[in-house]
Amino acid sequence: MTFNRPTLMLIALGLAGAAYAFRPRAAHPGSGTKSPYHPVRNAGPEEMTLPLRREWTKVDEAVDESFPASDPPATY
């Protein structure tokens, strides 16, 4: 039985796809969430993960407090 070039290419592509689908995957903690909801932090400078580089103003506070409500529900 002989195969022509297009048939061999399809067989090779199928084998490559199968190898990719069944490859071993490393388990990374936090690589995916089981919940469709993402955590949202509380407002305020004390809840930030990075230290502040400048004084926290009333404008910063207002923007920080309005963040989740200002985004459309489909984006978070």
Protein backbone atom coordinates (compact mmCIF):
# COMPACT_ATOMS: atom_id res chain seq x y z
CA MET A 1 0.00 0.00 0.00
CA THR A 2 1.49 3.35 -1.01
CA PHE A 3 0.40 6.77 0.15
CA ASN A 4 0.67 9.95 -1.83
CA ARG A 5 2.05 13.14 -0.31
CA PRO A 6 -1.29 14.76 0.73
CA THR A 7 -2.34 11.58 2.54
CA LEU A 8 0.97 11.40 4.41
CA MET A 9 0.61 15.06 5.38
CA LEU A 10 -2.88 14.43 6.79
CA ILE A 11 -1.65 11.42 8.76
CA ALA A 12 1.26 13.46 10.16
CA LEU A 13 -1.08 16.31 11.07
CA GLY A 14 -3.45 13.90 12.82
CA LEU A 15 -0.62 12.34 14.80
CA ALA A 16 0.68 15.77 15.79
CA GLY A 17 -2.80 16.80 16.94
CA ALA A 18 -3.20 13.62 18.98
CA ALA A 19 0.22 14.14 20.59
CA TYR A 20 -0.74 17.72 21.49
CA ALA A 21 -4.13 16.71 22.88
CA PHE A 22 -2.71 13.95 25.09
CA ARG A 23 0.49 15.72 26.20
CA PRO A 24 1.30 15.71 29.93
CA ARG A 25 0.26 18.92 31.61
CA ALA A 26 1.82 20.40 34.70
CA ALA A 27 -0.56 21.23 37.51
CA HIS A 28 -0.27 24.90 38.38
CA PRO A 29 -2.09 26.09 41.48
CA GLY A 30 -4.41 28.91 40.56
CA SER A 31 -4.16 28.26 36.85
CA GLY A 32 -7.92 28.24 36.54
CA THR A 33 -10.91 29.05 38.64
CA LYS A 34 -13.74 26.67 39.29
CA SER A 35 -16.07 29.60 39.85
CA PRO A 36 -17.20 31.87 37.02
CA TYR A 37 -16.81 34.85 39.38
CA HIS A 38 -13.49 36.58 39.84
CA PRO A 39 -12.54 37.95 43.24
CA VAL A 40 -12.87 41.70 43.62
CA ARG A 41 -10.85 43.44 46.31
CA ASN A 42 -12.35 45.90 48.75
CA ALA A 43 -11.89 49.62 48.12
CA GLY A 44 -9.18 51.61 49.82
CA PRO A 45 -5.41 51.98 49.87
CA GLU A 46 -4.99 49.34 52.59
CA GLU A 47 -6.41 46.67 50.25
CA MET A 48 -3.89 47.33 47.45
CA THR A 49 -1.15 44.78 46.82
CA LEU A 50 1.53 47.30 45.82
CA PRO A 51 2.67 50.13 48.09
CA LEU A 52 1.52 53.66 47.28
CA ARG A 53 4.03 56.00 45.65
CA ARG A 54 2.09 59.15 46.44
CA GLU A 55 -0.61 60.51 48.75
CA TRP A 56 -4.07 58.89 48.43
CA THR A 57 -6.55 61.62 47.42
CA LYS A 58 -10.34 61.90 47.48
CA VAL A 59 -10.36 61.42 43.70
CA ASP A 60 -8.38 58.19 44.10
CA GLU A 61 -10.87 57.02 46.72
CA ALA A 62 -13.90 57.85 44.54
CA VAL A 63 -12.44 56.09 41.51
CA ASP A 64 -11.43 53.07 43.59
CA GLU A 65 -14.89 52.76 45.17
CA SER A 66 -16.71 53.00 41.83
CA PHE A 67 -14.52 50.54 39.92
CA PRO A 68 -16.66 47.36 39.79
CA ALA A 69 -19.88 49.30 39.21
CA SER A 70 -18.35 51.34 36.40
CA ASP A 71 -17.50 48.24 34.34
CA PRO A 72 -20.09 46.37 32.32
CA PRO A 73 -21.04 43.09 34.04
CA ALA A 74 -19.68 41.00 31.15
CA THR A 75 -16.10 42.13 31.73
CA TYR A 76 -15.58 40.95 35.29
